[in-house]
Amino acid sequence: MNIVKATKLAKKRKMGMVRKNSFLTTVNGYLVPFDNAIYGYGAYIPFKGYIVRMAGITTKDILAKDWILVKRIDHQDRAYSIHERVRHKEKHSKEC
């Protein structure tokens, strides 16, 4: 399916999306479309363990028709930049 249809279905079904032959597929990661337009898409990469903001959609990705939906592992509702994630971890470790 194309990226527009994949995005709509992923939001509706609370799923992730990925292209069949992408880097994210090889590491069992996926893209997460967010409702808030500020965040756009996030990328979940398992060895990081959280969703990072991503704006790396290329014209090839937009024109591709090989997008598939995948089950989400995470349950985050927003993406973190790397700096926000570090601050969040530091704040949480001080509270514990």
PDB file of N, CA and C in Angstrom:
ATOM      1  N   MET A   1       0.836  -1.179   0.000  1.00  0.00           N
ATOM      2  CA  MET A   1       0.000   0.000   0.000  1.00  0.00           C
ATOM      3  C   MET A   1       0.885   1.248   0.000  1.00  0.00           C
ATOM      4  N   ASN A   2       0.315   2.388  -0.304  1.00  0.00           N
ATOM      5  CA  ASN A   2       1.105   3.620  -0.324  1.00  0.00           C
ATOM      6  C   ASN A   2       1.180   4.223   1.080  1.00  0.00           C
ATOM      7  N   ILE A   3       1.992   5.255   1.233  1.00  0.00           N
ATOM      8  CA  ILE A   3       2.261   5.822   2.560  1.00  0.00           C
ATOM      9  C   ILE A   3       1.034   6.504   3.165  1.00  0.00           C
ATOM     10  N   VAL A   4       0.190   7.083   2.334  1.00  0.00           N
ATOM     11  CA  VAL A   4      -1.004   7.766   2.847  1.00  0.00           C
ATOM     12  C   VAL A   4      -1.965   6.749   3.469  1.00  0.00           C
ATOM     13  N   LYS A   5      -2.227   5.682   2.736  1.00  0.00           N
ATOM     14  CA  LYS A   5      -3.129   4.647   3.243  1.00  0.00           C
ATOM     15  C   LYS A   5      -2.527   3.965   4.471  1.00  0.00           C
ATOM     16  N   ALA A   6      -1.224   3.689   4.447  1.00  0.00           N
ATOM     17  CA  ALA A   6      -0.554   3.054   5.578  1.00  0.00           C
ATOM     18  C   ALA A   6      -0.620   3.942   6.821  1.00  0.00           C
ATOM     19  N   THR A   7      -0.445   5.247   6.640  1.00  0.00           N
ATOM     20  CA  THR A   7      -0.504   6.180   7.772  1.00  0.00           C
ATOM     21  C   THR A   7      -1.901   6.207   8.379  1.00  0.00           C
ATOM     22  N   LYS A   8      -2.922   6.289   7.538  1.00  0.00           N
ATOM     23  CA  LYS A   8      -4.302   6.315   8.041  1.00  0.00           C
ATOM     24  C   LYS A   8      -4.640   5.041   8.801  1.00  0.00           C
ATOM     25  N   LEU A   9      -4.291   3.894   8.238  1.00  0.00           N
ATOM     26  CA  LEU A   9      -4.589   2.626   8.904  1.00  0.00           C
ATOM     27  C   LEU A   9      -3.772   2.448  10.178  1.00  0.00           C
ATOM     28  N   ALA A  10      -2.512   2.876  10.166  1.00  0.00           N
ATOM     29  CA  ALA A  10      -1.668   2.747  11.354  1.00  0.00           C
ATOM     30  C   ALA A  10      -2.211   3.595  12.500  1.00  0.00           C
ATOM     31  N   LYS A  11      -2.673   4.792  12.201  1.00  0.00           N
ATOM     32  CA  LYS A  11      -3.268   5.640  13.248  1.00  0.00           C
ATOM     33  C   LYS A  11      -4.556   5.017  13.777  1.00  0.00           C
ATOM     34  N   LYS A  12      -5.384   4.544  12.862  1.00  0.00           N
ATOM     35  CA  LYS A  12      -6.673   3.976  13.246  1.00  0.00           C
ATOM     36  C   LYS A  12      -6.514   2.717  14.088  1.00  0.00           C
ATOM     37  N   ARG A  13      -5.580   1.852  13.697  1.00  0.00           N
ATOM     38  CA  ARG A  13      -5.398   0.567  14.370  1.00  0.00           C
ATOM     39  C   ARG A  13      -4.327   0.589  15.451  1.00  0.00           C
ATOM     40  N   LYS A  14      -3.708   1.747  15.680  1.00  0.00           N
ATOM     41  CA  LYS A  14      -2.619   1.886  16.673  1.00  0.00           C
ATOM     42  C   LYS A  14      -1.486   0.907  16.374  1.00  0.00           C
ATOM     43  N   MET A  15      -1.025   0.922  15.116  1.00  0.00           N
ATOM     44  CA  MET A  15       0.042   0.030  14.676  1.00  0.00           C
ATOM     45  C   MET A  15       1.215   0.845  14.162  1.00  0.00           C
ATOM     46  N   GLY A  16       2.324   0.160  13.923  1.00  0.00           N
ATOM     47  CA  GLY A  16       3.476   0.778  13.292  1.00  0.00           C
ATOM     48  C   GLY A  16       3.449   0.480  11.797  1.00  0.00           C
ATOM     49  N   MET A  17       4.326   1.118  11.058  1.00  0.00           N
ATOM     50  CA  MET A  17       4.394   0.887   9.618  1.00  0.00           C
ATOM     51  C   MET A  17       5.843   0.887   9.175  1.00  0.00           C
ATOM     52  N   VAL A  18       6.139   0.135   8.127  1.00  0.00           N
ATOM     53  CA  VAL A  18       7.508   0.012   7.649  1.00  0.00           C
ATOM     54  C   VAL A  18       7.474  -0.410   6.185  1.00  0.00           C
ATOM     55  N   ARG A  19       8.535  -0.053   5.468  1.00  0.00           N
ATOM     56  CA  ARG A  19       8.683  -0.556   4.104  1.00  0.00           C
ATOM     57  C   ARG A  19       9.307  -1.940   4.163  1.00  0.00           C
ATOM     58  N   LYS A  20       8.956  -2.787   3.222  1.00  0.00           N
ATOM     59  CA  LYS A  20       9.413  -4.185   3.244  1.00  0.00           C
ATOM     60  C   LYS A  20      10.926  -4.324   3.213  1.00  0.00           C
ATOM     61  N   ASN A  21      11.629  -3.518   2.436  1.00  0.00           N
ATOM     62  CA  ASN A  21      13.079  -3.668   2.294  1.00  0.00           C
ATOM     63  C   ASN A  21      13.834  -2.460   2.835  1.00  0.00           C
ATOM     64  N   SER A  22      13.527  -2.063   4.045  1.00  0.00           N
ATOM     65  CA  SER A  22      14.187  -0.891   4.627  1.00  0.00           C
ATOM     66  C   SER A  22      15.122  -1.300   5.760  1.00  0.00           C
ATOM     67  N   PHE A  23      15.932  -0.352   6.213  1.00  0.00           N
ATOM     68  CA  PHE A  23      16.825  -0.589   7.348  1.00  0.00           C
ATOM     69  C   PHE A  23      16.027  -0.948   8.597  1.00  0.00           C
ATOM     70  N   LEU A  24      14.910  -0.268   8.812  1.00  0.00           N
ATOM     71  CA  LEU A  24      14.102  -0.538  10.000  1.00  0.00           C
ATOM     72  C   LEU A  24      13.601  -1.981  10.025  1.00  0.00           C
ATOM     73  N   THR A  25      13.324  -2.535   8.877  1.00  0.00           N
ATOM     74  CA  THR A  25      12.875  -3.929   8.810  1.00  0.00           C
ATOM     75  C   THR A  25      13.974  -4.870   9.272  1.00  0.00           C
ATOM     76  N   THR A  26      15.212  -4.580   8.902  1.00  0.00           N
ATOM     77  CA  THR A  26      16.318  -5.470   9.270  1.00  0.00           C
ATOM     78  C   THR A  26      16.606  -5.468  10.770  1.00  0.00           C
ATOM     79  N   VAL A  27      16.277  -4.380  11.466  1.00  0.00           N
ATOM     80  CA  VAL A  27      16.514  -4.315  12.915  1.00  0.00           C
ATOM     81  C   VAL A  27      15.214  -4.465  13.713  1.00  0.00           C
ATOM     82  N   ASN A  28      14.144  -4.893  13.052  1.00  0.00           N
ATOM     83  CA  ASN A  28      12.818  -5.071  13.674  1.00  0.00           C
ATOM     84  C   ASN A  28      12.249  -3.776  14.227  1.00  0.00           C
ATOM     85  N   GLY A  29      12.548  -2.672  13.581  1.00  0.00           N
ATOM     86  CA  GLY A  29      11.993  -1.385  13.968  1.00  0.00           C
ATOM     87  C   GLY A  29      10.828  -1.023  13.067  1.00  0.00           C
ATOM     88  N   TYR A  30      10.238   0.136  13.331  1.00  0.00           N
ATOM     89  CA  TYR A  30       9.111   0.595  12.522  1.00  0.00           C
ATOM     90  C   TYR A  30       8.883   2.083  12.742  1.00  0.00           C
ATOM     91  N   LEU A  31       8.075   2.683  11.882  1.00  0.00           N
ATOM     92  CA  LEU A  31       7.687   4.076  12.026  1.00  0.00           C
ATOM     93  C   LEU A  31       6.349   4.149  12.743  1.00  0.00           C
ATOM     94  N   VAL A  32       6.183   5.196  13.534  1.00  0.00           N
ATOM     95  CA  VAL A  32       4.937   5.425  14.245  1.00  0.00           C
ATOM     96  C   VAL A  32       4.399   6.787  13.821  1.00  0.00           C
ATOM     97  N   PRO A  33       3.244   6.832  13.170  1.00  0.00           N
ATOM     98  CA  PRO A  33       2.651   8.132  12.834  1.00  0.00           C
ATOM     99  C   PRO A  33       1.933   8.696  14.056  1.00  0.00           C
ATOM    100  N   PHE A  34       2.198   9.960  14.362  1.00  0.00           N
ATOM    101  CA  PHE A  34       1.567  10.603  15.513  1.00  0.00           C
ATOM    102  C   PHE A  34       0.426  11.498  15.066  1.00  0.00           C
ATOM    103  N   ASP A  35      -0.564  11.673  15.936  1.00  0.00           N
ATOM    104  CA  ASP A  35      -1.702  12.534  15.624  1.00  0.00           C
ATOM    105  C   ASP A  35      -1.297  13.995  15.560  1.00  0.00           C
ATOM    106  N   ASN A  36      -0.361  14.380  16.392  1.00  0.00           N
ATOM    107  CA  ASN A  36       0.092  15.757  16.443  1.00  0.00           C
ATOM    108  C   ASN A  36       1.045  16.022  15.273  1.00  0.00           C
ATOM    109  N   ALA A  37       0.732  17.001  14.455  1.00  0.00           N
ATOM    110  CA  ALA A  37       1.539  17.285  13.262  1.00  0.00           C
ATOM    111  C   ALA A  37       2.954  17.756  13.604  1.00  0.00           C
ATOM    112  N   ILE A  38       3.173  18.252  14.815  1.00  0.00           N
ATOM    113  CA  ILE A  38       4.507  18.705  15.215  1.00  0.00           C
ATOM    114  C   ILE A  38       5.486  17.535  15.189  1.00  0.00           C
ATOM    115  N   TYR A  39       5.034  16.363  15.626  1.00  0.00           N
ATOM    116  CA  TYR A  39       5.916  15.207  15.707  1.00  0.00           C
ATOM    117  C   TYR A  39       6.001  14.431  14.397  1.00  0.00           C
ATOM    118  N   GLY A  40       4.941  14.408  13.614  1.00  0.00           N
ATOM    119  CA  GLY A  40       4.964  13.690  12.346  1.00  0.00           C
ATOM    120  C   GLY A  40       5.125  12.198  12.554  1.00  0.00           C
ATOM    121  N   TYR A  41       6.301  11.667  12.212  1.00  0.00           N
ATOM    122  CA  TYR A  41       6.590  10.248  12.382  1.00  0.00           C
ATOM    123  C   TYR A  41       7.713  10.078  13.396  1.00  0.00           C
ATOM    124  N   GLY A  42       7.615   9.023  14.151  1.00  0.00           N
ATOM    125  CA  GLY A  42       8.699   8.632  15.037  1.00  0.00           C
ATOM    126  C   GLY A  42       9.221   7.292  14.575  1.00  0.00           C
ATOM    127  N   ALA A  43      10.452   6.988  14.926  1.00  0.00           N
ATOM    128  CA  ALA A  43      11.041   5.701  14.564  1.00  0.00           C
ATOM    129  C   ALA A  43      11.323   4.927  15.838  1.00  0.00           C
ATOM    130  N   TYR A  44      10.784   3.712  15.927  1.00  0.00           N
ATOM    131  CA  TYR A  44      11.091   2.839  17.053  1.00  0.00           C
ATOM    132  C   TYR A  44      12.189   1.889  16.616  1.00  0.00           C
ATOM    133  N   ILE A  45      13.304   1.938  17.317  1.00  0.00           N
ATOM    134  CA  ILE A  45      14.434   1.059  17.036  1.00  0.00           C
ATOM    135  C   ILE A  45      14.676   0.254  18.310  1.00  0.00           C
ATOM    136  N   PRO A  46      14.549  -1.078  18.260  1.00  0.00           N
ATOM    137  CA  PRO A  46      14.587  -1.897  19.475  1.00  0.00           C
ATOM    138  C   PRO A  46      15.819  -1.718  20.350  1.00  0.00           C
ATOM    139  N   PHE A  47      17.011  -1.565  19.766  1.00  0.00           N
ATOM    140  CA  PHE A  47      18.193  -1.456  20.621  1.00  0.00           C
ATOM    141  C   PHE A  47      18.259  -0.120  21.339  1.00  0.00           C
ATOM    142  N   LYS A  48      17.483   0.875  20.918  1.00  0.00           N
ATOM    143  CA  LYS A  48      17.384   2.129  21.673  1.00  0.00           C
ATOM    144  C   LYS A  48      16.305   2.012  22.741  1.00  0.00           C
ATOM    145  N   GLY A  49      15.225   1.317  22.448  1.00  0.00           N
ATOM    146  CA  GLY A  49      14.176   1.081  23.428  1.00  0.00           C
ATOM    147  C   GLY A  49      13.137   2.178  23.552  1.00  0.00           C
ATOM    148  N   TYR A  50      13.179   3.169  22.708  1.00  0.00           N
ATOM    149  CA  TYR A  50      12.181   4.225  22.745  1.00  0.00           C
ATOM    150  C   TYR A  50      12.040   4.823  21.351  1.00  0.00           C
ATOM    151  N   ILE A  51      11.033   5.650  21.189  1.00  0.00           N
ATOM    152  CA  ILE A  51      10.769   6.274  19.889  1.00  0.00           C
ATOM    153  C   ILE A  51      11.528   7.582  19.795  1.00  0.00           C
ATOM    154  N   VAL A  52      12.207   7.793  18.668  1.00  0.00           N
ATOM    155  CA  VAL A  52      12.911   9.047  18.422  1.00  0.00           C
ATOM    156  C   VAL A  52      12.223   9.776  17.268  1.00  0.00           C
ATOM    157  N   ARG A  53      12.301  11.088  17.304  1.00  0.00           N
ATOM    158  CA  ARG A  53      11.724  11.872  16.218  1.00  0.00           C
ATOM    159  C   ARG A  53      12.458  11.574  14.931  1.00  0.00           C
ATOM    160  N   MET A  54      11.711  11.560  13.857  1.00  0.00           N
ATOM    161  CA  MET A  54      12.328  11.228  12.585  1.00  0.00           C
ATOM    162  C   MET A  54      11.680  12.035  11.480  1.00  0.00           C
ATOM    163  N   ALA A  55      12.500  12.604  10.631  1.00  0.00           N
ATOM    164  CA  ALA A  55      11.985  13.332   9.484  1.00  0.00           C
ATOM    165  C   ALA A  55      12.639  12.810   8.214  1.00  0.00           C
ATOM    166  N   GLY A  56      13.076  11.560   8.233  1.00  0.00           N
ATOM    167  CA  GLY A  56      13.845  11.008   7.127  1.00  0.00           C
ATOM    168  C   GLY A  56      13.022  10.349   6.045  1.00  0.00           C
ATOM    169  N   ILE A  57      11.816  10.830   5.799  1.00  0.00           N
ATOM    170  CA  ILE A  57      10.993  10.288   4.717  1.00  0.00           C
ATOM    171  C   ILE A  57      11.486  10.896   3.407  1.00  0.00           C
ATOM    172  N   THR A  58      11.887  10.054   2.482  1.00  0.00           N
ATOM    173  CA  THR A  58      12.412  10.530   1.204  1.00  0.00           C
ATOM    174  C   THR A  58      11.328  10.458   0.126  1.00  0.00           C
ATOM    175  N   THR A  59      11.635  11.010  -1.037  1.00  0.00           N
ATOM    176  CA  THR A  59      10.670  10.944  -2.140  1.00  0.00           C
ATOM    177  C   THR A  59      10.454   9.498  -2.582  1.00  0.00           C
ATOM    178  N   LYS A  60      11.479   8.676  -2.487  1.00  0.00           N
ATOM    179  CA  LYS A  60      11.311   7.252  -2.816  1.00  0.00           C
ATOM    180  C   LYS A  60      10.309   6.599  -1.864  1.00  0.00           C
ATOM    181  N   ASP A  61      10.370   6.981  -0.573  1.00  0.00           N
ATOM    182  CA  ASP A  61       9.422   6.447   0.401  1.00  0.00           C
ATOM    183  C   ASP A  61       7.997   6.909   0.096  1.00  0.00           C
ATOM    184  N   ILE A  62       7.865   8.149  -0.307  1.00  0.00           N
ATOM    185  CA  ILE A  62       6.541   8.690  -0.602  1.00  0.00           C
ATOM    186  C   ILE A  62       5.927   8.003  -1.815  1.00  0.00           C
ATOM    187  N   LEU A  63       6.730   7.723  -2.822  1.00  0.00           N
ATOM    188  CA  LEU A  63       6.227   7.101  -4.046  1.00  0.00           C
ATOM    189  C   LEU A  63       6.095   5.581  -3.943  1.00  0.00           C
ATOM    190  N   ALA A  64       6.700   4.980  -2.940  1.00  0.00           N
ATOM    191  CA  ALA A  64       6.702   3.518  -2.814  1.00  0.00           C
ATOM    192  C   ALA A  64       5.315   2.983  -2.481  1.00  0.00           C
ATOM    193  N   LYS A  65       5.065   1.774  -2.922  1.00  0.00           N
ATOM    194  CA  LYS A  65       3.795   1.108  -2.635  1.00  0.00           C
ATOM    195  C   LYS A  65       4.019  -0.197  -1.883  1.00  0.00           C
ATOM    196  N   ASP A  66       5.145  -0.283  -1.154  1.00  0.00           N
ATOM    197  CA  ASP A  66       5.448  -1.506  -0.417  1.00  0.00           C
ATOM    198  C   ASP A  66       5.407  -1.313   1.100  1.00  0.00           C
ATOM    199  N   TRP A  67       4.569  -0.390   1.584  1.00  0.00           N
ATOM    200  CA  TRP A  67       4.425  -0.160   3.014  1.00  0.00           C
ATOM    201  C   TRP A  67       3.546  -1.255   3.614  1.00  0.00           C
ATOM    202  N   ILE A  68       3.926  -1.738   4.783  1.00  0.00           N
ATOM    203  CA  ILE A  68       3.138  -2.740   5.493  1.00  0.00           C
ATOM    204  C   ILE A  68       2.944  -2.284   6.938  1.00  0.00           C
ATOM    205  N   LEU A  69       1.886  -2.777   7.570  1.00  0.00           N
ATOM    206  CA  LEU A  69       1.626  -2.471   8.974  1.00  0.00           C
ATOM    207  C   LEU A  69       2.222  -3.568   9.844  1.00  0.00           C
ATOM    208  N   VAL A  70       2.741  -3.171  11.007  1.00  0.00           N
ATOM    209  CA  VAL A  70       3.313  -4.132  11.956  1.00  0.00           C
ATOM    210  C   VAL A  70       2.781  -3.831  13.357  1.00  0.00           C
ATOM    211  N   LYS A  71       2.771  -4.846  14.194  1.00  0.00           N
ATOM    212  CA  LYS A  71       2.321  -4.682  15.573  1.00  0.00           C
ATOM    213  C   LYS A  71       3.320  -3.835  16.342  1.00  0.00           C
ATOM    214  N   ARG A  72       2.821  -2.882  17.111  1.00  0.00           N
ATOM    215  CA  ARG A  72       3.699  -2.027  17.910  1.00  0.00           C
ATOM    216  C   ARG A  72       4.107  -2.713  19.200  1.00  0.00           C
ATOM    217  N   ILE A  73       5.365  -2.516  19.589  1.00  0.00           N
ATOM    218  CA  ILE A  73       5.894  -3.061  20.839  1.00  0.00           C
ATOM    219  C   ILE A  73       5.771  -2.021  21.945  1.00  0.00           C
ATOM    220  N   ASP A  74       6.005  -0.763  21.602  1.00  0.00           N
ATOM    221  CA  ASP A  74       5.980   0.322  22.585  1.00  0.00           C
ATOM    222  C   ASP A  74       4.546   0.827  22.754  1.00  0.00           C
ATOM    223  N   HIS A  75       4.346   1.694  23.742  1.00  0.00           N
ATOM    224  CA  HIS A  75       3.038   2.315  23.937  1.00  0.00           C
ATOM    225  C   HIS A  75       3.201   3.803  24.240  1.00  0.00           C
ATOM    226  N   GLN A  76       4.162   4.423  23.587  1.00  0.00           N
ATOM    227  CA  GLN A  76       4.386   5.853  23.804  1.00  0.00           C
ATOM    228  C   GLN A  76       3.465   6.655  22.894  1.00  0.00           C
ATOM    229  N   ASP A  77       3.065   7.824  23.367  1.00  0.00           N
ATOM    230  CA  ASP A  77       2.188   8.657  22.561  1.00  0.00           C
ATOM    231  C   ASP A  77       2.903   9.877  21.995  1.00  0.00           C
ATOM    232  N   ARG A  78       4.199   9.985  22.223  1.00  0.00           N
ATOM    233  CA  ARG A  78       4.972  11.078  21.627  1.00  0.00           C
ATOM    234  C   ARG A  78       6.407  10.618  21.431  1.00  0.00           C
ATOM    235  N   ALA A  79       7.114  11.358  20.606  1.00  0.00           N
ATOM    236  CA  ALA A  79       8.512  11.037  20.341  1.00  0.00           C
ATOM    237  C   ALA A  79       9.412  11.977  21.130  1.00  0.00           C
ATOM    238  N   TYR A  80      10.569  11.480  21.485  1.00  0.00           N
ATOM    239  CA  TYR A  80      11.563  12.276  22.186  1.00  0.00           C
ATOM    240  C   TYR A  80      12.723  12.581  21.249  1.00  0.00           C
ATOM    241  N   SER A  81      13.257  13.789  21.374  1.00  0.00           N
ATOM    242  CA  SER A  81      14.546  14.016  20.746  1.00  0.00           C
ATOM    243  C   SER A  81      15.577  13.353  21.657  1.00  0.00           C
ATOM    244  N   ILE A  82      16.774  13.182  21.180  1.00  0.00           N
ATOM    245  CA  ILE A  82      17.806  12.530  21.995  1.00  0.00           C
ATOM    246  C   ILE A  82      18.054  13.319  23.275  1.00  0.00           C
ATOM    247  N   HIS A  83      18.089  14.637  23.186  1.00  0.00           N
ATOM    248  CA  HIS A  83      18.343  15.479  24.363  1.00  0.00           C
ATOM    249  C   HIS A  83      17.190  15.397  25.362  1.00  0.00           C
ATOM    250  N   GLU A  84      15.957  15.372  24.866  1.00  0.00           N
ATOM    251  CA  GLU A  84      14.818  15.250  25.773  1.00  0.00           C
ATOM    252  C   GLU A  84      14.831  13.910  26.496  1.00  0.00           C
ATOM    253  N   ARG A  85      15.221  12.867  25.798  1.00  0.00           N
ATOM    254  CA  ARG A  85      15.251  11.538  26.409  1.00  0.00           C
ATOM    255  C   ARG A  85      16.304  11.473  27.519  1.00  0.00           C
ATOM    256  N   VAL A  86      17.461  12.078  27.298  1.00  0.00           N
ATOM    257  CA  VAL A  86      18.511  12.103  28.323  1.00  0.00           C
ATOM    258  C   VAL A  86      18.030  12.878  29.543  1.00  0.00           C
ATOM    259  N   ARG A  87      17.419  14.047  29.323  1.00  0.00           N
ATOM    260  CA  ARG A  87      16.891  14.833  30.450  1.00  0.00           C
ATOM    261  C   ARG A  87      15.812  14.059  31.200  1.00  0.00           C
ATOM    262  N   HIS A  88      14.943  13.358  30.469  1.00  0.00           N
ATOM    263  CA  HIS A  88      13.882  12.581  31.089  1.00  0.00           C
ATOM    264  C   HIS A  88      14.460  11.456  31.946  1.00  0.00           C
ATOM    265  N   LYS A  89      15.484  10.777  31.451  1.00  0.00           N
ATOM    266  CA  LYS A  89      16.129   9.706  32.212  1.00  0.00           C
ATOM    267  C   LYS A  89      16.788  10.257  33.469  1.00  0.00           C
ATOM    268  N   GLU A  90      17.484  11.403  33.347  1.00  0.00           N
ATOM    269  CA  GLU A  90      18.149  12.005  34.507  1.00  0.00           C
ATOM    270  C   GLU A  90      17.132  12.421  35.558  1.00  0.00           C
ATOM    271  N   LYS A  91      16.039  13.021  35.121  1.00  0.00           N
ATOM    272  CA  LYS A  91      14.995  13.476  36.042  1.00  0.00           C
ATOM    273  C   LYS A  91      14.380  12.268  36.757  1.00  0.00           C
ATOM    274  N   HIS A  92      14.111  11.213  36.000  1.00  0.00           N
ATOM    275  CA  HIS A  92      13.504  10.029  36.581  1.00  0.00           C
ATOM    276  C   HIS A  92      14.442   9.334  37.563  1.00  0.00           C
ATOM    277  N   SER A  93      15.733   9.303  37.261  1.00  0.00           N
ATOM    278  CA  SER A  93      16.694   8.644  38.160  1.00  0.00           C
ATOM    279  C   SER A  93      16.862   9.427  39.467  1.00  0.00           C
ATOM    280  N   LYS A  94      16.722  10.755  39.418  1.00  0.00           N
ATOM    281  CA  LYS A  94      16.821  11.568  40.641  1.00  0.00           C
ATOM    282  C   LYS A  94      15.606  11.357  41.539  1.00  0.00           C
ATOM    283  N   GLU A  95      14.432  11.107  40.932  1.00  0.00           N
ATOM    284  CA  GLU A  95      13.214  10.903  41.697  1.00  0.00           C
ATOM    285  C   GLU A  95      13.213   9.564  42.414  1.00  0.00           C
ATOM    286  N   CYS A  96      13.893   8.588  41.866  1.00  0.00           N
ATOM    287  CA  CYS A  96      13.881   7.229  42.454  1.00  0.00           C
ATOM    288  C   CYS A  96      14.782   7.091  43.643  1.00  0.00           C
TER     289      CYS A  96
END
